Amino acid sequence: MFIYKRLMPRNKSISEPALLAILLDAIAETGPDYLTFARAAARSGLSAPTLVQRFGDRAAMVEAILMFAWDRLDEATEAADAAFPVSPRGAIDLLLHLTPDAEHGLDGGLPLLREDMRNPALRARGRAWGDRLSAALSRRLGDNPALGRQMASLWQGAIIWWGFDRNGPPQAAIGEALEGWCRTAGLDQSPQR
């Protein structure tokens, strides 16, 4: 009689959000092109066939992971929009709250961004998030849609420039860029009393 002995306990009850969070960490380390079912299985504790069963193919797995990342960014943006005052200073603080620190998100994000731009569904999510972020900033900048989009664009550019300069913590350098832009635009970014 053959007795089956399991070498590793199989994780049967990992939720979809928990799995996607684990795989988001993995894809941030490997990049989308190098996240295989074998690597995802090793990271999640699920078997590669189980992952194939859940996602279908590698492209669908990568898309699901990055959609999950967009979901998390949408939630963080919504929470920040509710938390910060409707003022230019509130716009700056909202963006600084969304700025990843040097260790968590600024390095290694370009392969994920490239995937977001190549995939039409992910590109649409990025566009929708940009519109919501610009609207949140616009409300804080005198309901001026052009200023909201400009500030969002400056923020993204400041993150990129910080990546080249690496002069101090990113929030400090990016905060200075946003404050300078507010001064140039004639917006009072002093804290509300």
N, C-alpha and C. Protein backbone atom coordinates (compact mmCIF):
# COMPACT_ATOMS: atom_id res chain seq x y z
N MET A 1 0.84 -1.17 0.00
CA MET A 1 0.00 0.00 0.00
C MET A 1 0.90 1.24 0.00
N PHE A 2 0.54 2.20 -0.84
CA PHE A 2 1.29 3.45 -0.93
C PHE A 2 0.73 4.46 0.07
N ILE A 3 1.60 5.04 0.86
CA ILE A 3 1.17 6.06 1.82
C ILE A 3 1.72 7.40 1.33
N TYR A 4 0.81 8.33 1.12
CA TYR A 4 1.21 9.67 0.68
C TYR A 4 1.64 10.49 1.88
N LYS A 5 2.83 11.01 1.81
CA LYS A 5 3.34 11.85 2.89
C LYS A 5 3.60 13.24 2.31
N ARG A 6 2.94 14.18 2.84
CA ARG A 6 3.12 15.55 2.39
C ARG A 6 4.42 16.11 2.97
N LEU A 7 5.26 16.66 2.11
CA LEU A 7 6.52 17.23 2.57
C LEU A 7 6.33 18.61 3.18
N MET A 8 5.42 19.38 2.61
CA MET A 8 5.16 20.73 3.11
C MET A 8 3.67 20.88 3.35
N PRO A 9 3.27 21.47 4.46
CA PRO A 9 1.84 21.69 4.62
C PRO A 9 1.36 22.64 3.53
N ARG A 10 0.22 22.31 2.97
CA ARG A 10 -0.33 23.13 1.90
C ARG A 10 -1.26 24.18 2.48
N ASN A 11 -1.06 25.38 2.05
CA ASN A 11 -1.89 26.48 2.51
C ASN A 11 -3.14 26.53 1.64
N LYS A 12 -4.24 26.02 2.15
CA LYS A 12 -5.46 25.93 1.36
C LYS A 12 -6.34 27.17 1.48
N SER A 13 -6.14 27.95 2.49
CA SER A 13 -7.13 28.99 2.76
C SER A 13 -6.56 30.40 2.70
N ILE A 14 -5.69 30.66 1.79
CA ILE A 14 -5.17 32.03 1.67
C ILE A 14 -6.18 32.84 0.85
N SER A 15 -6.56 33.97 1.40
CA SER A 15 -7.56 34.82 0.72
C SER A 15 -6.93 35.49 -0.50
N GLU A 16 -7.78 35.91 -1.40
CA GLU A 16 -7.30 36.60 -2.60
C GLU A 16 -6.50 37.87 -2.24
N PRO A 17 -7.01 38.75 -1.35
CA PRO A 17 -6.22 39.93 -1.00
C PRO A 17 -4.88 39.58 -0.34
N ALA A 18 -4.87 38.58 0.53
CA ALA A 18 -3.61 38.19 1.17
C ALA A 18 -2.62 37.65 0.14
N LEU A 19 -3.11 36.83 -0.79
CA LEU A 19 -2.24 36.30 -1.84
C LEU A 19 -1.69 37.42 -2.71
N LEU A 20 -2.56 38.34 -3.11
CA LEU A 20 -2.11 39.44 -3.97
C LEU A 20 -1.12 40.34 -3.26
N ALA A 21 -1.28 40.54 -1.95
CA ALA A 21 -0.32 41.34 -1.19
C ALA A 21 1.05 40.66 -1.18
N ILE A 22 1.06 39.35 -0.99
CA ILE A 22 2.32 38.60 -1.01
C ILE A 22 2.97 38.70 -2.39
N LEU A 23 2.16 38.53 -3.42
CA LEU A 23 2.69 38.57 -4.78
C LEU A 23 3.09 39.98 -5.21
N LEU A 24 2.46 40.99 -4.63
CA LEU A 24 2.88 42.37 -4.92
C LEU A 24 4.28 42.61 -4.39
N ASP A 25 4.58 42.11 -3.21
CA ASP A 25 5.95 42.21 -2.69
C ASP A 25 6.93 41.48 -3.60
N ALA A 26 6.52 40.31 -4.06
CA ALA A 26 7.39 39.51 -4.93
C ALA A 26 7.64 40.21 -6.26
N ILE A 27 6.60 40.77 -6.86
CA ILE A 27 6.76 41.41 -8.16
C ILE A 27 7.59 42.70 -8.03
N ALA A 28 7.49 43.35 -6.87
CA ALA A 28 8.31 44.55 -6.64
C ALA A 28 9.79 44.18 -6.59
N GLU A 29 10.10 43.00 -6.11
CA GLU A 29 11.49 42.55 -6.04
C GLU A 29 12.00 42.03 -7.38
N THR A 30 11.19 41.26 -8.09
CA THR A 30 11.66 40.61 -9.31
C THR A 30 11.39 41.42 -10.56
N GLY A 31 10.37 42.27 -10.52
CA GLY A 31 9.88 42.92 -11.73
C GLY A 31 8.87 42.01 -12.40
N PRO A 32 7.96 42.58 -13.18
CA PRO A 32 6.91 41.78 -13.80
C PRO A 32 7.44 40.69 -14.74
N ASP A 33 8.52 40.97 -15.44
CA ASP A 33 9.02 40.01 -16.42
C ASP A 33 9.59 38.75 -15.78
N TYR A 34 9.97 38.81 -14.53
CA TYR A 34 10.63 37.68 -13.88
C TYR A 34 9.79 37.00 -12.82
N LEU A 35 8.54 37.41 -12.68
CA LEU A 35 7.67 36.72 -11.72
C LEU A 35 7.03 35.54 -12.44
N THR A 36 7.54 34.37 -12.14
CA THR A 36 7.02 33.14 -12.73
C THR A 36 6.07 32.48 -11.74
N PHE A 37 5.33 31.49 -12.23
CA PHE A 37 4.48 30.74 -11.32
C PHE A 37 5.32 30.02 -10.27
N ALA A 38 6.50 29.56 -10.64
CA ALA A 38 7.37 28.88 -9.66
C ALA A 38 7.79 29.86 -8.56
N ARG A 39 8.19 31.07 -8.93
CA ARG A 39 8.57 32.07 -7.92
C ARG A 39 7.37 32.47 -7.07
N ALA A 40 6.23 32.66 -7.71
CA ALA A 40 5.02 33.03 -6.97
C ALA A 40 4.63 31.92 -6.01
N ALA A 41 4.79 30.66 -6.43
CA ALA A 41 4.46 29.52 -5.57
C ALA A 41 5.40 29.48 -4.37
N ALA A 42 6.69 29.68 -4.63
CA ALA A 42 7.66 29.65 -3.53
C ALA A 42 7.36 30.77 -2.53
N ARG A 43 6.94 31.89 -3.01
CA ARG A 43 6.67 33.04 -2.14
C ARG A 43 5.36 32.89 -1.37
N SER A 44 4.35 32.33 -2.01
CA SER A 44 3.02 32.29 -1.40
C SER A 44 2.73 31.02 -0.61
N GLY A 45 3.49 29.95 -0.87
CA GLY A 45 3.20 28.68 -0.23
C GLY A 45 2.15 27.87 -0.96
N LEU A 46 1.60 28.42 -2.02
CA LEU A 46 0.66 27.67 -2.85
C LEU A 46 1.45 26.98 -3.96
N SER A 47 0.90 25.94 -4.50
CA SER A 47 1.60 25.25 -5.59
C SER A 47 1.43 26.05 -6.89
N ALA A 48 2.36 25.86 -7.80
CA ALA A 48 2.27 26.52 -9.10
C ALA A 48 0.99 26.13 -9.82
N PRO A 49 0.57 24.83 -9.82
CA PRO A 49 -0.70 24.49 -10.47
C PRO A 49 -1.90 25.20 -9.84
N THR A 50 -1.87 25.39 -8.52
CA THR A 50 -2.97 26.11 -7.87
C THR A 50 -3.01 27.55 -8.36
N LEU A 51 -1.85 28.16 -8.52
CA LEU A 51 -1.79 29.54 -9.02
C LEU A 51 -2.26 29.61 -10.47
N VAL A 52 -1.88 28.62 -11.27
CA VAL A 52 -2.36 28.58 -12.65
C VAL A 52 -3.88 28.46 -12.66
N GLN A 53 -4.39 27.65 -11.76
CA GLN A 53 -5.84 27.48 -11.66
C GLN A 53 -6.52 28.80 -11.28
N ARG A 54 -5.90 29.55 -10.38
CA ARG A 54 -6.50 30.83 -9.94
C ARG A 54 -6.43 31.90 -11.02
N PHE A 55 -5.28 31.98 -11.72
CA PHE A 55 -5.06 33.11 -12.63
C PHE A 55 -5.17 32.76 -14.11
N GLY A 56 -4.93 31.53 -14.47
CA GLY A 56 -4.97 31.14 -15.88
C GLY A 56 -3.61 31.17 -16.53
N ASP A 57 -3.01 32.33 -16.62
CA ASP A 57 -1.66 32.44 -17.19
C ASP A 57 -0.88 33.53 -16.47
N ARG A 58 0.40 33.61 -16.79
CA ARG A 58 1.29 34.54 -16.10
C ARG A 58 0.87 35.99 -16.32
N ALA A 59 0.47 36.34 -17.54
CA ALA A 59 0.04 37.71 -17.82
C ALA A 59 -1.17 38.10 -16.98
N ALA A 60 -2.11 37.18 -16.83
CA ALA A 60 -3.29 37.47 -16.00
C ALA A 60 -2.90 37.60 -14.53
N MET A 61 -1.91 36.81 -14.08
CA MET A 61 -1.44 36.93 -12.70
C MET A 61 -0.80 38.30 -12.48
N VAL A 62 0.05 38.72 -13.38
CA VAL A 62 0.70 40.03 -13.26
C VAL A 62 -0.34 41.13 -13.27
N GLU A 63 -1.32 41.05 -14.16
CA GLU A 63 -2.37 42.07 -14.21
C GLU A 63 -3.16 42.11 -12.91
N ALA A 64 -3.51 40.95 -12.37
CA ALA A 64 -4.27 40.91 -11.11
C ALA A 64 -3.47 41.54 -9.97
N ILE A 65 -2.18 41.27 -9.94
CA ILE A 65 -1.33 41.85 -8.88
C ILE A 65 -1.30 43.36 -9.01
N LEU A 66 -1.11 43.85 -10.22
CA LEU A 66 -1.01 45.30 -10.41
C LEU A 66 -2.36 45.99 -10.25
N MET A 67 -3.45 45.32 -10.59
CA MET A 67 -4.79 45.87 -10.30
C MET A 67 -4.98 45.99 -8.79
N PHE A 68 -4.50 45.01 -8.06
CA PHE A 68 -4.55 45.05 -6.60
C PHE A 68 -3.75 46.25 -6.09
N ALA A 69 -2.59 46.50 -6.68
CA ALA A 69 -1.79 47.66 -6.28
C ALA A 69 -2.56 48.95 -6.55
N TRP A 70 -3.25 49.03 -7.69
CA TRP A 70 -4.07 50.21 -7.98
C TRP A 70 -5.20 50.35 -6.97
N ASP A 71 -5.81 49.21 -6.58
CA ASP A 71 -6.86 49.26 -5.56
C ASP A 71 -6.33 49.86 -4.27
N ARG A 72 -5.14 49.43 -3.87
CA ARG A 72 -4.55 49.96 -2.64
C ARG A 72 -4.24 51.45 -2.76
N LEU A 73 -3.74 51.86 -3.92
CA LEU A 73 -3.45 53.29 -4.11
C LEU A 73 -4.75 54.10 -4.13
N ASP A 74 -5.80 53.57 -4.74
CA ASP A 74 -7.10 54.24 -4.71
C ASP A 74 -7.58 54.43 -3.27
N GLU A 75 -7.47 53.38 -2.47
CA GLU A 75 -7.90 53.45 -1.06
C GLU A 75 -7.06 54.48 -0.30
N ALA A 76 -5.76 54.47 -0.50
CA ALA A 76 -4.88 55.42 0.19
C ALA A 76 -5.20 56.86 -0.24
N THR A 77 -5.48 57.05 -1.52
CA THR A 77 -5.80 58.39 -2.02
C THR A 77 -7.13 58.87 -1.46
N GLU A 78 -8.11 57.98 -1.42
CA GLU A 78 -9.42 58.34 -0.85
C GLU A 78 -9.29 58.72 0.62
N ALA A 79 -8.52 57.94 1.38
CA ALA A 79 -8.32 58.23 2.79
C ALA A 79 -7.59 59.56 2.97
N ALA A 80 -6.57 59.81 2.15
CA ALA A 80 -5.83 61.07 2.25
C ALA A 80 -6.71 62.25 1.86
N ASP A 81 -7.55 62.06 0.86
CA ASP A 81 -8.47 63.12 0.44
C ASP A 81 -9.40 63.50 1.59
N ALA A 82 -9.85 62.51 2.34
CA ALA A 82 -10.74 62.77 3.48
C ALA A 82 -9.99 63.36 4.67
N ALA A 83 -8.70 63.07 4.78
CA ALA A 83 -7.95 63.44 5.99
C ALA A 83 -7.35 64.84 5.96
N PHE A 84 -7.02 65.36 4.79
CA PHE A 84 -6.28 66.62 4.74
C PHE A 84 -7.18 67.78 4.37
N PRO A 85 -6.90 68.97 4.93
CA PRO A 85 -7.78 70.12 4.72
C PRO A 85 -7.83 70.58 3.27
N VAL A 86 -8.91 71.29 2.96
CA VAL A 86 -9.10 71.86 1.64
C VAL A 86 -8.38 73.20 1.61
N SER A 87 -7.10 73.12 1.27
CA SER A 87 -6.23 74.29 1.20
C SER A 87 -4.99 73.88 0.42
N PRO A 88 -4.21 74.85 -0.07
CA PRO A 88 -2.96 74.48 -0.73
C PRO A 88 -2.05 73.64 0.17
N ARG A 89 -1.97 73.99 1.45
CA ARG A 89 -1.16 73.19 2.38
C ARG A 89 -1.71 71.77 2.48
N GLY A 90 -3.03 71.64 2.47
CA GLY A 90 -3.65 70.32 2.48
C GLY A 90 -3.30 69.52 1.24
N ALA A 91 -3.20 70.20 0.09
CA ALA A 91 -2.80 69.52 -1.15
C ALA A 91 -1.37 69.00 -1.03
N ILE A 92 -0.48 69.82 -0.51
CA ILE A 92 0.91 69.39 -0.32
C ILE A 92 0.96 68.20 0.64
N ASP A 93 0.26 68.31 1.75
CA ASP A 93 0.30 67.23 2.75
C ASP A 93 -0.32 65.94 2.20
N LEU A 94 -1.37 66.06 1.40
CA LEU A 94 -1.97 64.89 0.77
C LEU A 94 -0.94 64.17 -0.10
N LEU A 95 -0.24 64.93 -0.93
CA LEU A 95 0.75 64.32 -1.82
C LEU A 95 1.93 63.74 -1.05
N LEU A 96 2.37 64.43 -0.02
CA LEU A 96 3.48 63.89 0.78
C LEU A 96 3.07 62.61 1.49
N HIS A 97 1.81 62.54 1.90
CA HIS A 97 1.30 61.33 2.52
C HIS A 97 1.33 60.16 1.53
N LEU A 98 1.08 60.42 0.26
CA LEU A 98 1.09 59.38 -0.77
C LEU A 98 2.48 59.06 -1.30
N THR A 99 3.47 59.87 -0.95
CA THR A 99 4.82 59.66 -1.45
C THR A 99 5.46 58.48 -0.73
N PRO A 100 5.88 57.46 -1.48
CA PRO A 100 6.57 56.35 -0.82
C PRO A 100 7.93 56.82 -0.31
N ASP A 101 8.42 56.15 0.73
CA ASP A 101 9.75 56.52 1.20
C ASP A 101 10.80 55.81 0.36
N ALA A 102 12.05 56.13 0.61
CA ALA A 102 13.15 55.62 -0.21
C ALA A 102 13.22 54.10 -0.17
N GLU A 103 12.84 53.50 0.93
CA GLU A 103 12.97 52.05 1.06
C GLU A 103 11.75 51.30 0.56
N HIS A 104 10.61 51.96 0.42
CA HIS A 104 9.37 51.27 0.10
C HIS A 104 8.67 51.87 -1.10
N GLY A 105 9.21 51.67 -2.26
CA GLY A 105 8.45 52.04 -3.43
C GLY A 105 9.12 52.94 -4.44
N LEU A 106 10.11 53.73 -4.05
CA LEU A 106 10.73 54.60 -5.05
C LEU A 106 11.74 53.83 -5.89
N ASP A 107 12.45 52.90 -5.29
CA ASP A 107 13.38 52.07 -6.05
C ASP A 107 12.62 50.89 -6.63
N GLY A 108 12.89 50.56 -7.85
CA GLY A 108 12.28 49.38 -8.44
C GLY A 108 10.88 49.58 -8.99
N GLY A 109 10.33 50.77 -8.88
CA GLY A 109 8.98 50.99 -9.36
C GLY A 109 8.87 51.17 -10.86
N LEU A 110 9.97 51.44 -11.53
CA LEU A 110 9.89 51.70 -12.97
C LEU A 110 9.45 50.48 -13.78
N PRO A 111 9.89 49.26 -13.46
CA PRO A 111 9.34 48.12 -14.23
C PRO A 111 7.84 47.96 -14.05
N LEU A 112 7.33 48.28 -12.85
CA LEU A 112 5.88 48.20 -12.63
C LEU A 112 5.17 49.29 -13.41
N LEU A 113 5.75 50.49 -13.41
CA LEU A 113 5.16 51.60 -14.17
C LEU A 113 5.15 51.28 -15.66
N ARG A 114 6.23 50.68 -16.14
CA ARG A 114 6.28 50.29 -17.55
C ARG A 114 5.14 49.31 -17.88
N GLU A 115 4.91 48.35 -16.99
CA GLU A 115 3.82 47.38 -17.20
C GLU A 115 2.48 48.09 -17.18
N ASP A 116 2.32 49.05 -16.26
CA ASP A 116 1.07 49.83 -16.20
C ASP A 116 0.82 50.57 -17.50
N MET A 117 1.88 51.03 -18.14
CA MET A 117 1.72 51.79 -19.38
C MET A 117 1.53 50.90 -20.60
N ARG A 118 2.02 49.66 -20.53
CA ARG A 118 1.90 48.74 -21.67
C ARG A 118 0.53 48.06 -21.72
N ASN A 119 -0.06 47.82 -20.58
CA ASN A 119 -1.31 47.06 -20.49
C ASN A 119 -2.49 48.04 -20.53
N PRO A 120 -3.40 47.91 -21.50
CA PRO A 120 -4.51 48.87 -21.62
C PRO A 120 -5.39 48.96 -20.37
N ALA A 121 -5.66 47.83 -19.72
CA ALA A 121 -6.52 47.86 -18.53
C ALA A 121 -5.82 48.58 -17.38
N LEU A 122 -4.53 48.34 -17.22
CA LEU A 122 -3.77 49.02 -16.17
C LEU A 122 -3.60 50.50 -16.50
N ARG A 123 -3.40 50.80 -17.76
CA ARG A 123 -3.27 52.20 -18.19
C ARG A 123 -4.56 52.96 -17.88
N ALA A 124 -5.70 52.32 -18.10
CA ALA A 124 -6.99 52.96 -17.79
C ALA A 124 -7.12 53.21 -16.29
N ARG A 125 -6.66 52.28 -15.47
CA ARG A 125 -6.69 52.48 -14.02
C ARG A 125 -5.82 53.66 -13.62
N GLY A 126 -4.64 53.75 -14.23
CA GLY A 126 -3.74 54.87 -13.93
C GLY A 126 -4.36 56.20 -14.32
N ARG A 127 -4.98 56.23 -15.48
CA ARG A 127 -5.63 57.46 -15.95
C ARG A 127 -6.76 57.86 -15.01
N ALA A 128 -7.57 56.89 -14.59
CA ALA A 128 -8.69 57.18 -13.68
C ALA A 128 -8.18 57.68 -12.34
N TRP A 129 -7.12 57.05 -11.82
CA TRP A 129 -6.54 57.50 -10.55
C TRP A 129 -5.99 58.92 -10.70
N GLY A 130 -5.31 59.19 -11.80
CA GLY A 130 -4.77 60.54 -12.03
C GLY A 130 -5.87 61.58 -12.07
N ASP A 131 -6.99 61.23 -12.67
CA ASP A 131 -8.12 62.16 -12.71
C ASP A 131 -8.67 62.42 -11.31
N ARG A 132 -8.81 61.33 -10.50
CA ARG A 132 -9.32 61.51 -9.13
C ARG A 132 -8.34 62.31 -8.28
N LEU A 133 -7.05 62.02 -8.42
CA LEU A 133 -6.05 62.77 -7.65
C LEU A 133 -6.06 64.24 -8.05
N SER A 134 -6.10 64.50 -9.35
CA SER A 134 -6.13 65.89 -9.82
C SER A 134 -7.36 66.63 -9.31
N ALA A 135 -8.50 65.94 -9.25
CA ALA A 135 -9.72 66.56 -8.73
C ALA A 135 -9.58 66.87 -7.24
N ALA A 136 -8.97 65.96 -6.48
CA ALA A 136 -8.76 66.19 -5.05
C ALA A 136 -7.84 67.38 -4.84
N LEU A 137 -6.81 67.49 -5.66
CA LEU A 137 -5.88 68.62 -5.54
C LEU A 137 -6.58 69.91 -5.99
N SER A 138 -7.34 69.83 -7.07
CA SER A 138 -8.05 71.00 -7.58
C SER A 138 -8.95 71.62 -6.52
N ARG A 139 -9.68 70.77 -5.78
CA ARG A 139 -10.55 71.29 -4.70
C ARG A 139 -9.74 72.08 -3.69
N ARG A 140 -8.50 71.73 -3.50
CA ARG A 140 -7.65 72.40 -2.52
C ARG A 140 -6.94 73.62 -3.11
N LEU A 141 -7.05 73.79 -4.42
CA LEU A 141 -6.36 74.89 -5.10
C LEU A 141 -7.35 75.82 -5.79
N GLY A 142 -8.46 76.10 -5.12
CA GLY A 142 -9.45 77.04 -5.64
C GLY A 142 -10.30 76.48 -6.75
N ASP A 143 -10.52 75.17 -6.76
CA ASP A 143 -11.33 74.50 -7.80
C ASP A 143 -10.83 74.79 -9.20
N ASN A 144 -9.53 74.81 -9.36
CA ASN A 144 -8.92 75.05 -10.66
C ASN A 144 -8.36 73.73 -11.19
N PRO A 145 -9.06 73.09 -12.16
CA PRO A 145 -8.60 71.79 -12.66
C PRO A 145 -7.19 71.81 -13.24
N ALA A 146 -6.83 72.91 -13.90
CA ALA A 146 -5.49 73.00 -14.49
C ALA A 146 -4.42 72.96 -13.39
N LEU A 147 -4.66 73.66 -12.29
CA LEU A 147 -3.68 73.65 -11.20
C LEU A 147 -3.60 72.28 -10.54
N GLY A 148 -4.74 71.60 -10.42
CA GLY A 148 -4.72 70.25 -9.84
C GLY A 148 -3.87 69.30 -10.65
N ARG A 149 -4.03 69.33 -11.97
CA ARG A 149 -3.23 68.45 -12.85
C ARG A 149 -1.76 68.87 -12.84
N GLN A 150 -1.51 70.18 -12.83
CA GLN A 150 -0.12 70.64 -12.78
C GLN A 150 0.57 70.17 -11.50
N MET A 151 -0.12 70.28 -10.38
CA MET A 151 0.49 69.88 -9.12
C MET A 151 0.75 68.38 -9.10
N ALA A 152 -0.19 67.59 -9.60
CA ALA A 152 0.02 66.14 -9.67
C ALA A 152 1.22 65.82 -10.56
N SER A 153 1.33 66.52 -11.67
CA SER A 153 2.46 66.30 -12.58
C SER A 153 3.77 66.70 -11.94
N LEU A 154 3.78 67.84 -11.25
CA LEU A 154 4.99 68.28 -10.57
C LEU A 154 5.41 67.26 -9.51
N TRP A 155 4.44 66.75 -8.77
CA TRP A 155 4.73 65.74 -7.74
C TRP A 155 5.41 64.52 -8.35
N GLN A 156 4.83 64.00 -9.45
CA GLN A 156 5.43 62.84 -10.10
C GLN A 156 6.83 63.17 -10.60
N GLY A 157 7.00 64.34 -11.18
CA GLY A 157 8.33 64.75 -11.64
C GLY A 157 9.31 64.90 -10.50
N ALA A 158 8.86 65.45 -9.39
CA ALA A 158 9.74 65.63 -8.23
C ALA A 158 10.20 64.27 -7.69
N ILE A 159 9.32 63.28 -7.76
CA ILE A 159 9.72 61.93 -7.33
C ILE A 159 10.83 61.40 -8.24
N ILE A 160 10.69 61.60 -9.53
CA ILE A 160 11.71 61.15 -10.48
C ILE A 160 13.02 61.88 -10.25
N TRP A 161 12.96 63.22 -10.10
CA TRP A 161 14.19 63.98 -9.88
C TRP A 161 14.86 63.58 -8.57
N TRP A 162 14.06 63.32 -7.54
CA TRP A 162 14.66 62.85 -6.29
C TRP A 162 15.44 61.55 -6.54
N GLY A 163 14.89 60.68 -7.38
CA GLY A 163 15.55 59.41 -7.69
C GLY A 163 16.94 59.61 -8.28
N PHE A 164 17.14 60.70 -9.02
CA PHE A 164 18.46 61.01 -9.56
C PHE A 164 19.35 61.68 -8.52
N ASP A 165 18.79 62.64 -7.79
CA ASP A 165 19.59 63.44 -6.85
C ASP A 165 19.90 62.71 -5.55
N ARG A 166 18.90 62.05 -4.97
CA ARG A 166 19.04 61.34 -3.68
C ARG A 166 19.63 62.24 -2.60
N ASN A 167 19.18 63.48 -2.57
CA ASN A 167 19.69 64.44 -1.59
C ASN A 167 18.72 64.55 -0.42
N GLY A 168 18.86 63.64 0.52
CA GLY A 168 18.02 63.65 1.70
C GLY A 168 16.78 62.81 1.53
N PRO A 169 15.93 62.82 2.55
CA PRO A 169 14.70 62.04 2.47
C PRO A 169 13.81 62.55 1.34
N PRO A 170 13.12 61.66 0.63
CA PRO A 170 12.32 62.10 -0.51
C PRO A 170 11.22 63.09 -0.10
N GLN A 171 10.59 62.87 1.05
CA GLN A 171 9.50 63.77 1.44
C GLN A 171 9.99 65.21 1.58
N ALA A 172 11.22 65.40 2.08
CA ALA A 172 11.74 66.76 2.25
C ALA A 172 11.97 67.42 0.89
N ALA A 173 12.63 66.72 -0.02
CA ALA A 173 12.92 67.29 -1.33
C ALA A 173 11.64 67.53 -2.13
N ILE A 174 10.73 66.58 -2.06
CA ILE A 174 9.48 66.70 -2.81
C ILE A 174 8.60 67.79 -2.19
N GLY A 175 8.61 67.88 -0.87
CA GLY A 175 7.87 68.95 -0.19
C GLY A 175 8.37 70.32 -0.60
N GLU A 176 9.70 70.48 -0.68
CA GLU A 176 10.27 71.76 -1.12
C GLU A 176 9.83 72.10 -2.53
N ALA A 177 9.82 71.11 -3.42
CA ALA A 177 9.39 71.36 -4.81
C ALA A 177 7.92 71.79 -4.85
N LEU A 178 7.08 71.11 -4.09
CA LEU A 178 5.65 71.46 -4.07
C LEU A 178 5.42 72.84 -3.46
N GLU A 179 6.12 73.16 -2.38
CA GLU A 179 5.98 74.48 -1.76
C GLU A 179 6.46 75.57 -2.71
N GLY A 180 7.57 75.33 -3.41
CA GLY A 180 8.07 76.30 -4.38
C GLY A 180 7.08 76.53 -5.50
N TRP A 181 6.46 75.47 -5.98
CA TRP A 181 5.45 75.60 -7.03
C TRP A 181 4.27 76.41 -6.53
N CYS A 182 3.82 76.16 -5.29
CA CYS A 182 2.70 76.94 -4.73
C CYS A 182 3.05 78.42 -4.67
N ARG A 183 4.27 78.73 -4.24
CA ARG A 183 4.69 80.14 -4.19
C ARG A 183 4.66 80.75 -5.59
N THR A 184 5.19 80.03 -6.58
CA THR A 184 5.20 80.51 -7.96
C THR A 184 3.78 80.72 -8.48
N ALA A 185 2.87 79.84 -8.10
CA ALA A 185 1.48 79.94 -8.54
C ALA A 185 0.68 80.95 -7.71
N GLY A 186 1.33 81.57 -6.72
CA GLY A 186 0.64 82.55 -5.89
C GLY A 186 -0.33 81.94 -4.89
N LEU A 187 -0.07 80.71 -4.47
CA LEU A 187 -0.95 80.00 -3.53
C LEU A 187 -0.31 80.01 -2.14
N ASP A 188 -1.10 80.36 -1.14
CA ASP A 188 -0.62 80.38 0.24
C ASP A 188 -0.65 78.96 0.78
N GLN A 189 0.54 78.39 1.02
CA GLN A 189 0.60 77.02 1.52
C GLN A 189 0.92 76.96 3.01
N SER A 190 0.75 78.07 3.68
CA SER A 190 1.01 78.06 5.13
C SER A 190 -0.08 77.23 5.84
N PRO A 191 0.26 76.60 6.96
CA PRO A 191 -0.73 75.79 7.68
C PRO A 191 -1.92 76.65 8.11
N GLN A 192 -3.11 76.06 8.05
CA GLN A 192 -4.32 76.76 8.48
C GLN A 192 -4.36 76.85 9.98
N ARG A 193 -4.81 77.95 10.48
CA ARG A 193 -4.89 78.12 11.93
C ARG A 193 -6.30 77.96 12.38
